[in-house]
Amino acid sequence: MRKVAQKHIDPDTFAALLQRSKEKLYRVAYCYVKNEQDALDVIGDATYKGLQRLDSLRESAYFDTWMTRIVINTAIDHMRKHARYSVCEDEVLETLPAGQTVSEPEATLDLYAALDALSEKDRTCIILKYFEGYTFAEIAELTREAEATVKSRLYRSLTKMRKRMEKEGDSL
């Protein structure tokens, strides 16, 4: 049996694909680390890791999924290294991911506090689905879980967040 030579992505193609996805990748990083400087650090580290592992990306069609996974892992590593599990900072109040604004800053704080209370896997599902618009199938591929698992994790996570936000609302 003859092996077919795998086509690798070159650094110029990597740079072009990264440029196209930079805002989305930044939003993913920001959802984890909650401040601009740390999100930029995560993106820088993830870019370096991506370049180091460029030979593992066989097709440019999978770049977004591949790079998002690297950003998520880098953000989680960054949080562990810097022990940052705090509620979001004031700059989140100005704009939400994807440029959405919120009329009540308290609602944004409650949302991010509820998001922070979730486990890493649960938080990842919520961020990818509702902040970045990934499909269940794409999230399953990114998290290396069955699609049914992703769906149940997502709905359980939403229930946990809703209960936490209702509880916080009652205590005010």
N, C-alpha and C. Protein backbone atom coordinates (compact mmCIF):
# COMPACT_ATOMS: atom_id res chain seq x y z
N MET A 1 0.84 -1.17 0.00
CA MET A 1 0.00 0.00 0.00
C MET A 1 0.89 1.24 0.00
N ARG A 2 0.59 2.16 -0.88
CA ARG A 2 1.38 3.38 -1.04
C ARG A 2 0.77 4.52 -0.23
N LYS A 3 1.61 5.23 0.51
CA LYS A 3 1.13 6.38 1.27
C LYS A 3 1.04 7.59 0.36
N VAL A 4 -0.04 8.35 0.54
CA VAL A 4 -0.20 9.59 -0.21
C VAL A 4 0.47 10.70 0.59
N ALA A 5 1.27 11.50 -0.06
CA ALA A 5 1.95 12.60 0.63
C ALA A 5 0.92 13.61 1.13
N GLN A 6 1.06 13.99 2.39
CA GLN A 6 0.18 14.98 2.99
C GLN A 6 0.66 16.39 2.63
N LYS A 7 -0.26 17.23 2.26
CA LYS A 7 0.06 18.61 1.94
C LYS A 7 0.00 19.43 3.22
N HIS A 8 1.05 20.13 3.56
CA HIS A 8 1.10 20.94 4.76
C HIS A 8 0.77 22.39 4.42
N ILE A 9 0.29 23.10 5.43
CA ILE A 9 -0.01 24.52 5.29
C ILE A 9 1.29 25.29 5.49
N ASP A 10 1.57 26.22 4.60
CA ASP A 10 2.80 27.01 4.73
C ASP A 10 2.56 28.21 5.65
N PRO A 11 3.62 28.82 6.17
CA PRO A 11 3.48 29.96 7.09
C PRO A 11 2.73 31.15 6.52
N ASP A 12 2.84 31.40 5.23
CA ASP A 12 2.10 32.51 4.62
C ASP A 12 0.60 32.25 4.65
N THR A 13 0.21 31.02 4.36
CA THR A 13 -1.21 30.65 4.41
C THR A 13 -1.70 30.73 5.85
N PHE A 14 -0.88 30.26 6.79
CA PHE A 14 -1.21 30.34 8.22
C PHE A 14 -1.49 31.80 8.60
N ALA A 15 -0.61 32.72 8.18
CA ALA A 15 -0.77 34.14 8.51
C ALA A 15 -2.06 34.70 7.93
N ALA A 16 -2.37 34.34 6.70
CA ALA A 16 -3.60 34.82 6.06
C ALA A 16 -4.84 34.28 6.78
N LEU A 17 -4.82 33.00 7.13
CA LEU A 17 -5.95 32.41 7.85
C LEU A 17 -6.09 33.00 9.25
N LEU A 18 -4.99 33.26 9.90
CA LEU A 18 -5.00 33.87 11.22
C LEU A 18 -5.57 35.28 11.16
N GLN A 19 -5.18 36.02 10.18
CA GLN A 19 -5.68 37.39 9.99
C GLN A 19 -7.20 37.38 9.82
N ARG A 20 -7.70 36.42 9.06
CA ARG A 20 -9.14 36.30 8.82
C ARG A 20 -9.91 35.97 10.10
N SER A 21 -9.30 35.23 11.01
CA SER A 21 -9.98 34.73 12.21
C SER A 21 -9.60 35.47 13.48
N LYS A 22 -8.80 36.50 13.39
CA LYS A 22 -8.23 37.11 14.59
C LYS A 22 -9.27 37.65 15.57
N GLU A 23 -10.33 38.27 15.09
CA GLU A 23 -11.33 38.82 16.00
C GLU A 23 -12.07 37.72 16.75
N LYS A 24 -12.43 36.67 16.05
CA LYS A 24 -13.12 35.55 16.69
C LYS A 24 -12.21 34.88 17.73
N LEU A 25 -10.97 34.68 17.40
CA LEU A 25 -10.03 34.05 18.32
C LEU A 25 -9.80 34.93 19.55
N TYR A 26 -9.73 36.24 19.33
CA TYR A 26 -9.57 37.17 20.44
C TYR A 26 -10.77 37.09 21.39
N ARG A 27 -11.99 37.06 20.82
CA ARG A 27 -13.19 36.98 21.66
C ARG A 27 -13.19 35.71 22.49
N VAL A 28 -12.78 34.59 21.90
CA VAL A 28 -12.70 33.33 22.64
C VAL A 28 -11.71 33.48 23.80
N ALA A 29 -10.54 34.00 23.52
CA ALA A 29 -9.53 34.19 24.57
C ALA A 29 -10.05 35.12 25.65
N TYR A 30 -10.68 36.20 25.25
CA TYR A 30 -11.19 37.19 26.21
C TYR A 30 -12.26 36.60 27.13
N CYS A 31 -13.09 35.74 26.59
CA CYS A 31 -14.13 35.10 27.41
C CYS A 31 -13.52 34.28 28.54
N TYR A 32 -12.33 33.80 28.36
CA TYR A 32 -11.65 33.03 29.40
C TYR A 32 -10.89 33.91 30.37
N VAL A 33 -10.08 34.81 29.88
CA VAL A 33 -9.15 35.54 30.75
C VAL A 33 -9.67 36.88 31.23
N LYS A 34 -10.69 37.41 30.62
CA LYS A 34 -11.43 38.58 31.07
C LYS A 34 -10.70 39.92 31.06
N ASN A 35 -9.59 40.03 30.38
CA ASN A 35 -9.01 41.36 30.19
C ASN A 35 -8.20 41.39 28.90
N GLU A 36 -8.09 42.58 28.38
CA GLU A 36 -7.50 42.75 27.04
C GLU A 36 -6.06 42.28 26.97
N GLN A 37 -5.24 42.68 27.92
CA GLN A 37 -3.82 42.34 27.86
C GLN A 37 -3.60 40.83 27.93
N ASP A 38 -4.31 40.16 28.84
CA ASP A 38 -4.17 38.71 28.94
C ASP A 38 -4.69 38.01 27.68
N ALA A 39 -5.77 38.53 27.12
CA ALA A 39 -6.30 37.93 25.88
C ALA A 39 -5.29 38.07 24.75
N LEU A 40 -4.64 39.23 24.67
CA LEU A 40 -3.61 39.42 23.65
C LEU A 40 -2.42 38.49 23.89
N ASP A 41 -2.05 38.30 25.16
CA ASP A 41 -0.97 37.36 25.49
C ASP A 41 -1.35 35.94 25.06
N VAL A 42 -2.59 35.56 25.33
CA VAL A 42 -3.06 34.22 24.95
C VAL A 42 -2.99 34.06 23.44
N ILE A 43 -3.45 35.07 22.71
CA ILE A 43 -3.42 35.01 21.24
C ILE A 43 -1.97 34.90 20.75
N GLY A 44 -1.07 35.66 21.34
CA GLY A 44 0.33 35.58 20.95
C GLY A 44 0.92 34.20 21.21
N ASP A 45 0.64 33.66 22.40
CA ASP A 45 1.14 32.32 22.74
C ASP A 45 0.53 31.26 21.82
N ALA A 46 -0.77 31.40 21.58
CA ALA A 46 -1.46 30.42 20.72
C ALA A 46 -0.93 30.48 19.28
N THR A 47 -0.65 31.69 18.81
CA THR A 47 -0.09 31.85 17.47
C THR A 47 1.27 31.14 17.37
N TYR A 48 2.09 31.35 18.39
CA TYR A 48 3.40 30.69 18.43
C TYR A 48 3.24 29.17 18.43
N LYS A 49 2.32 28.67 19.27
CA LYS A 49 2.07 27.22 19.33
C LYS A 49 1.55 26.71 17.99
N GLY A 50 0.67 27.48 17.37
CA GLY A 50 0.14 27.09 16.06
C GLY A 50 1.24 26.99 15.02
N LEU A 51 2.13 27.96 15.01
CA LEU A 51 3.25 27.91 14.07
C LEU A 51 4.16 26.72 14.34
N GLN A 52 4.38 26.41 15.61
CA GLN A 52 5.20 25.25 15.96
C GLN A 52 4.57 23.95 15.48
N ARG A 53 3.25 23.89 15.52
CA ARG A 53 2.53 22.65 15.18
C ARG A 53 1.91 22.71 13.78
N LEU A 54 2.37 23.61 12.98
CA LEU A 54 1.78 23.82 11.66
C LEU A 54 1.74 22.55 10.82
N ASP A 55 2.69 21.67 11.02
CA ASP A 55 2.72 20.43 10.24
C ASP A 55 1.58 19.48 10.60
N SER A 56 0.91 19.72 11.73
CA SER A 56 -0.22 18.86 12.11
C SER A 56 -1.53 19.29 11.45
N LEU A 57 -1.56 20.48 10.84
CA LEU A 57 -2.75 20.97 10.14
C LEU A 57 -2.62 20.58 8.68
N ARG A 58 -3.44 19.66 8.25
CA ARG A 58 -3.35 19.12 6.89
C ARG A 58 -4.13 19.93 5.86
N GLU A 59 -5.25 20.52 6.28
CA GLU A 59 -6.09 21.25 5.34
C GLU A 59 -6.49 22.59 5.92
N SER A 60 -6.45 23.62 5.13
CA SER A 60 -6.81 24.95 5.61
C SER A 60 -8.28 25.04 5.99
N ALA A 61 -9.11 24.14 5.48
CA ALA A 61 -10.54 24.14 5.82
C ALA A 61 -10.77 23.90 7.31
N TYR A 62 -9.81 23.26 7.97
CA TYR A 62 -9.94 22.97 9.40
C TYR A 62 -9.22 23.98 10.29
N PHE A 63 -8.73 25.06 9.70
CA PHE A 63 -7.93 26.02 10.46
C PHE A 63 -8.68 26.59 11.65
N ASP A 64 -9.93 27.06 11.44
CA ASP A 64 -10.68 27.70 12.53
C ASP A 64 -10.84 26.76 13.71
N THR A 65 -11.25 25.53 13.45
CA THR A 65 -11.43 24.56 14.52
C THR A 65 -10.11 24.27 15.22
N TRP A 66 -9.09 24.05 14.45
CA TRP A 66 -7.76 23.73 14.97
C TRP A 66 -7.21 24.87 15.83
N MET A 67 -7.28 26.08 15.31
CA MET A 67 -6.72 27.24 16.02
C MET A 67 -7.57 27.60 17.23
N THR A 68 -8.88 27.45 17.14
CA THR A 68 -9.73 27.73 18.30
C THR A 68 -9.39 26.80 19.44
N ARG A 69 -9.15 25.53 19.13
CA ARG A 69 -8.76 24.55 20.16
C ARG A 69 -7.44 24.97 20.82
N ILE A 70 -6.50 25.45 20.03
CA ILE A 70 -5.22 25.91 20.58
C ILE A 70 -5.44 27.13 21.47
N VAL A 71 -6.28 28.06 21.05
CA VAL A 71 -6.57 29.26 21.86
C VAL A 71 -7.23 28.87 23.17
N ILE A 72 -8.20 27.97 23.13
CA ILE A 72 -8.88 27.54 24.36
C ILE A 72 -7.89 26.89 25.32
N ASN A 73 -7.09 25.98 24.82
CA ASN A 73 -6.10 25.32 25.69
C ASN A 73 -5.08 26.31 26.24
N THR A 74 -4.66 27.25 25.43
CA THR A 74 -3.70 28.26 25.88
C THR A 74 -4.33 29.17 26.93
N ALA A 75 -5.59 29.55 26.73
CA ALA A 75 -6.28 30.39 27.72
C ALA A 75 -6.45 29.66 29.05
N ILE A 76 -6.80 28.40 29.00
CA ILE A 76 -6.96 27.61 30.22
C ILE A 76 -5.61 27.48 30.93
N ASP A 77 -4.56 27.22 30.17
CA ASP A 77 -3.21 27.16 30.76
C ASP A 77 -2.83 28.49 31.39
N HIS A 78 -3.15 29.57 30.71
CA HIS A 78 -2.84 30.91 31.22
C HIS A 78 -3.57 31.16 32.54
N MET A 79 -4.85 30.79 32.58
CA MET A 79 -5.64 30.98 33.81
C MET A 79 -5.05 30.17 34.95
N ARG A 80 -4.68 28.94 34.69
CA ARG A 80 -4.10 28.10 35.73
C ARG A 80 -2.78 28.69 36.22
N LYS A 81 -1.97 29.13 35.27
CA LYS A 81 -0.66 29.67 35.61
C LYS A 81 -0.78 30.95 36.44
N HIS A 82 -1.74 31.77 36.11
CA HIS A 82 -1.90 33.06 36.79
C HIS A 82 -3.03 33.04 37.83
N ALA A 83 -3.64 31.89 38.04
CA ALA A 83 -4.71 31.73 39.03
C ALA A 83 -5.76 32.82 38.90
N ARG A 84 -6.25 33.01 37.67
CA ARG A 84 -7.25 34.05 37.42
C ARG A 84 -8.60 33.40 37.17
N TYR A 85 -9.38 33.35 38.18
CA TYR A 85 -10.75 32.84 38.08
C TYR A 85 -11.72 33.90 38.58
N SER A 86 -11.38 35.15 38.41
CA SER A 86 -12.17 36.24 38.95
C SER A 86 -13.31 36.62 38.01
N VAL A 87 -14.23 37.41 38.56
CA VAL A 87 -15.32 37.94 37.77
C VAL A 87 -14.74 38.96 36.80
N CYS A 88 -15.40 39.16 35.69
CA CYS A 88 -14.87 40.02 34.64
C CYS A 88 -14.60 41.43 35.13
N GLU A 89 -13.75 42.12 34.40
CA GLU A 89 -13.35 43.47 34.77
C GLU A 89 -14.25 44.49 34.09
N ASP A 90 -14.13 45.76 34.50
CA ASP A 90 -15.01 46.82 34.03
C ASP A 90 -15.03 46.98 32.52
N GLU A 91 -13.92 46.70 31.84
CA GLU A 91 -13.88 46.93 30.41
C GLU A 91 -14.84 46.03 29.64
N VAL A 92 -15.30 44.92 30.25
CA VAL A 92 -16.28 44.06 29.59
C VAL A 92 -17.60 44.78 29.46
N LEU A 93 -17.87 45.72 30.34
CA LEU A 93 -19.15 46.42 30.33
C LEU A 93 -19.32 47.30 29.10
N GLU A 94 -18.21 47.73 28.52
CA GLU A 94 -18.30 48.63 27.38
C GLU A 94 -18.84 47.93 26.15
N THR A 95 -18.33 46.75 25.84
CA THR A 95 -18.83 45.98 24.71
C THR A 95 -18.75 44.50 25.01
N LEU A 96 -19.71 43.80 24.52
CA LEU A 96 -19.73 42.36 24.63
C LEU A 96 -19.10 41.77 23.39
N PRO A 97 -18.79 40.47 23.39
CA PRO A 97 -18.25 39.85 22.18
C PRO A 97 -19.16 40.09 20.98
N ALA A 98 -18.56 40.14 19.83
CA ALA A 98 -19.25 40.37 18.56
C ALA A 98 -19.87 41.76 18.49
N GLY A 99 -19.41 42.69 19.34
CA GLY A 99 -19.86 44.07 19.28
C GLY A 99 -21.24 44.33 19.84
N GLN A 100 -21.82 43.38 20.54
CA GLN A 100 -23.14 43.59 21.12
C GLN A 100 -23.00 44.42 22.38
N THR A 101 -23.90 45.40 22.54
CA THR A 101 -23.85 46.20 23.75
C THR A 101 -25.01 45.80 24.65
N VAL A 102 -24.89 46.16 25.90
CA VAL A 102 -25.91 45.80 26.87
C VAL A 102 -26.34 47.08 27.57
N SER A 103 -27.63 47.23 27.82
CA SER A 103 -28.11 48.45 28.44
C SER A 103 -27.94 48.42 29.95
N GLU A 104 -27.87 47.24 30.54
CA GLU A 104 -27.72 47.12 31.98
C GLU A 104 -26.39 46.45 32.30
N PRO A 105 -25.41 47.23 32.77
CA PRO A 105 -24.11 46.64 33.08
C PRO A 105 -24.19 45.53 34.13
N GLU A 106 -25.13 45.63 35.05
CA GLU A 106 -25.27 44.60 36.08
C GLU A 106 -25.61 43.25 35.46
N ALA A 107 -26.40 43.26 34.40
CA ALA A 107 -26.75 42.01 33.72
C ALA A 107 -25.51 41.37 33.11
N THR A 108 -24.61 42.19 32.59
CA THR A 108 -23.37 41.66 32.02
C THR A 108 -22.52 41.02 33.10
N LEU A 109 -22.40 41.69 34.24
CA LEU A 109 -21.63 41.14 35.35
C LEU A 109 -22.23 39.82 35.81
N ASP A 110 -23.56 39.77 35.93
CA ASP A 110 -24.23 38.54 36.34
C ASP A 110 -23.98 37.42 35.34
N LEU A 111 -24.05 37.74 34.06
CA LEU A 111 -23.82 36.75 33.02
C LEU A 111 -22.41 36.19 33.11
N TYR A 112 -21.42 37.07 33.21
CA TYR A 112 -20.04 36.60 33.28
C TYR A 112 -19.74 35.88 34.58
N ALA A 113 -20.36 36.30 35.67
CA ALA A 113 -20.17 35.60 36.94
C ALA A 113 -20.75 34.19 36.84
N ALA A 114 -21.92 34.06 36.23
CA ALA A 114 -22.54 32.74 36.05
C ALA A 114 -21.68 31.89 35.11
N LEU A 115 -21.12 32.48 34.09
CA LEU A 115 -20.25 31.77 33.16
C LEU A 115 -18.98 31.30 33.88
N ASP A 116 -18.41 32.15 34.71
CA ASP A 116 -17.20 31.80 35.46
C ASP A 116 -17.44 30.67 36.45
N ALA A 117 -18.67 30.52 36.92
CA ALA A 117 -18.98 29.49 37.91
C ALA A 117 -19.05 28.09 37.29
N LEU A 118 -19.10 28.02 35.97
CA LEU A 118 -19.18 26.73 35.29
C LEU A 118 -17.80 26.06 35.22
N SER A 119 -17.82 24.76 35.00
CA SER A 119 -16.56 24.04 34.78
C SER A 119 -15.98 24.47 33.43
N GLU A 120 -14.72 24.16 33.18
CA GLU A 120 -14.07 24.54 31.93
C GLU A 120 -14.80 23.97 30.71
N LYS A 121 -15.20 22.71 30.79
CA LYS A 121 -15.89 22.09 29.64
C LYS A 121 -17.24 22.75 29.39
N ASP A 122 -17.99 23.02 30.48
CA ASP A 122 -19.29 23.67 30.33
C ASP A 122 -19.13 25.08 29.76
N ARG A 123 -18.17 25.83 30.29
CA ARG A 123 -17.91 27.19 29.83
C ARG A 123 -17.53 27.20 28.36
N THR A 124 -16.72 26.26 27.96
CA THR A 124 -16.29 26.17 26.57
C THR A 124 -17.49 25.98 25.65
N CYS A 125 -18.40 25.09 26.01
CA CYS A 125 -19.60 24.86 25.18
C CYS A 125 -20.42 26.14 25.03
N ILE A 126 -20.63 26.84 26.14
CA ILE A 126 -21.43 28.07 26.10
C ILE A 126 -20.75 29.13 25.23
N ILE A 127 -19.46 29.32 25.43
CA ILE A 127 -18.72 30.33 24.67
C ILE A 127 -18.76 30.02 23.17
N LEU A 128 -18.50 28.77 22.82
CA LEU A 128 -18.46 28.41 21.41
C LEU A 128 -19.84 28.51 20.75
N LYS A 129 -20.86 28.12 21.46
CA LYS A 129 -22.21 28.14 20.88
C LYS A 129 -22.80 29.56 20.82
N TYR A 130 -22.78 30.27 21.94
CA TYR A 130 -23.52 31.52 22.02
C TYR A 130 -22.68 32.77 21.78
N PHE A 131 -21.38 32.69 21.99
CA PHE A 131 -20.55 33.85 21.73
C PHE A 131 -19.95 33.79 20.33
N GLU A 132 -19.68 32.58 19.84
CA GLU A 132 -19.01 32.43 18.55
C GLU A 132 -19.86 31.78 17.48
N GLY A 133 -21.03 31.26 17.82
CA GLY A 133 -21.95 30.74 16.82
C GLY A 133 -21.59 29.40 16.20
N TYR A 134 -20.77 28.61 16.88
CA TYR A 134 -20.42 27.28 16.37
C TYR A 134 -21.65 26.37 16.44
N THR A 135 -21.73 25.41 15.53
CA THR A 135 -22.80 24.42 15.55
C THR A 135 -22.45 23.34 16.58
N PHE A 136 -23.45 22.52 16.91
CA PHE A 136 -23.20 21.42 17.84
C PHE A 136 -22.13 20.47 17.28
N ALA A 137 -22.19 20.21 15.99
CA ALA A 137 -21.20 19.31 15.37
C ALA A 137 -19.80 19.89 15.47
N GLU A 138 -19.66 21.19 15.24
CA GLU A 138 -18.35 21.83 15.33
C GLU A 138 -17.82 21.81 16.76
N ILE A 139 -18.70 22.06 17.72
CA ILE A 139 -18.29 22.02 19.13
C ILE A 139 -17.87 20.61 19.51
N ALA A 140 -18.61 19.62 19.03
CA ALA A 140 -18.26 18.23 19.31
C ALA A 140 -16.86 17.91 18.77
N GLU A 141 -16.57 18.40 17.59
CA GLU A 141 -15.24 18.17 17.00
C GLU A 141 -14.16 18.87 17.82
N LEU A 142 -14.43 20.11 18.22
CA LEU A 142 -13.45 20.87 19.00
C LEU A 142 -13.18 20.25 20.36
N THR A 143 -14.23 19.80 21.02
CA THR A 143 -14.09 19.26 22.38
C THR A 143 -13.81 17.77 22.39
N ARG A 144 -13.86 17.15 21.22
CA ARG A 144 -13.64 15.70 21.08
C ARG A 144 -14.64 14.90 21.91
N GLU A 145 -15.89 15.35 21.86
CA GLU A 145 -17.00 14.66 22.55
C GLU A 145 -18.09 14.37 21.52
N ALA A 146 -18.97 13.46 21.88
CA ALA A 146 -20.11 13.16 21.01
C ALA A 146 -21.04 14.37 20.95
N GLU A 147 -21.69 14.53 19.83
CA GLU A 147 -22.61 15.66 19.65
C GLU A 147 -23.71 15.65 20.71
N ALA A 148 -24.25 14.46 21.03
CA ALA A 148 -25.29 14.35 22.06
C ALA A 148 -24.77 14.81 23.43
N THR A 149 -23.51 14.51 23.71
CA THR A 149 -22.89 14.95 24.96
C THR A 149 -22.79 16.47 25.00
N VAL A 150 -22.42 17.06 23.89
CA VAL A 150 -22.30 18.52 23.80
C VAL A 150 -23.67 19.16 24.04
N LYS A 151 -24.70 18.62 23.40
CA LYS A 151 -26.05 19.17 23.57
C LYS A 151 -26.51 19.10 25.02
N SER A 152 -26.35 17.94 25.64
CA SER A 152 -26.80 17.82 27.03
C SER A 152 -25.95 18.69 27.96
N ARG A 153 -24.64 18.77 27.70
CA ARG A 153 -23.77 19.64 28.50
C ARG A 153 -24.21 21.09 28.37
N LEU A 154 -24.53 21.51 27.17
CA LEU A 154 -24.93 22.88 26.92
C LEU A 154 -26.23 23.21 27.66
N TYR A 155 -27.22 22.35 27.54
CA TYR A 155 -28.50 22.62 28.18
C TYR A 155 -28.40 22.56 29.71
N ARG A 156 -27.59 21.64 30.22
CA ARG A 156 -27.35 21.60 31.68
C ARG A 156 -26.66 22.88 32.14
N SER A 157 -25.71 23.33 31.36
CA SER A 157 -24.96 24.55 31.70
C SER A 157 -25.87 25.77 31.70
N LEU A 158 -26.74 25.86 30.71
CA LEU A 158 -27.68 26.97 30.65
C LEU A 158 -28.60 26.98 31.87
N THR A 159 -29.03 25.80 32.29
CA THR A 159 -29.88 25.68 33.47
C THR A 159 -29.12 26.15 34.72
N LYS A 160 -27.87 25.73 34.85
CA LYS A 160 -27.04 26.15 35.99
C LYS A 160 -26.88 27.67 35.99
N MET A 161 -26.60 28.23 34.83
CA MET A 161 -26.40 29.68 34.74
C MET A 161 -27.69 30.42 35.09
N ARG A 162 -28.82 29.94 34.56
CA ARG A 162 -30.10 30.58 34.82
C ARG A 162 -30.42 30.57 36.31
N LYS A 163 -30.20 29.42 36.95
CA LYS A 163 -30.47 29.32 38.39
C LYS A 163 -29.57 30.26 39.18
N ARG A 164 -28.30 30.31 38.80
CA ARG A 164 -27.36 31.21 39.51
C ARG A 164 -27.77 32.66 39.33
N MET A 165 -28.14 33.03 38.12
CA MET A 165 -28.52 34.42 37.87
C MET A 165 -29.82 34.78 38.59
N GLU A 166 -30.77 33.85 38.64
CA GLU A 166 -32.01 34.09 39.38
C GLU A 166 -31.73 34.23 40.87
N LYS A 167 -30.85 33.37 41.40
CA LYS A 167 -30.49 33.43 42.80
C LYS A 167 -29.81 34.76 43.13
N GLU A 168 -28.88 35.18 42.27
CA GLU A 168 -28.18 36.45 42.47
C GLU A 168 -29.17 37.61 42.40
N GLY A 169 -30.13 37.53 41.49
CA GLY A 169 -31.14 38.58 41.35
C GLY A 169 -32.02 38.69 42.59
N ASP A 170 -32.33 37.55 43.22
CA ASP A 170 -33.15 37.56 44.42
C ASP A 170 -32.41 38.13 45.62
N SER A 171 -31.09 38.00 45.64
CA SER A 171 -30.33 38.44 46.81
C SER A 171 -30.00 39.94 46.76
N LEU A 172 -30.31 40.61 45.65
CA LEU A 172 -30.02 42.04 45.55
C LEU A 172 -31.03 42.90 46.21
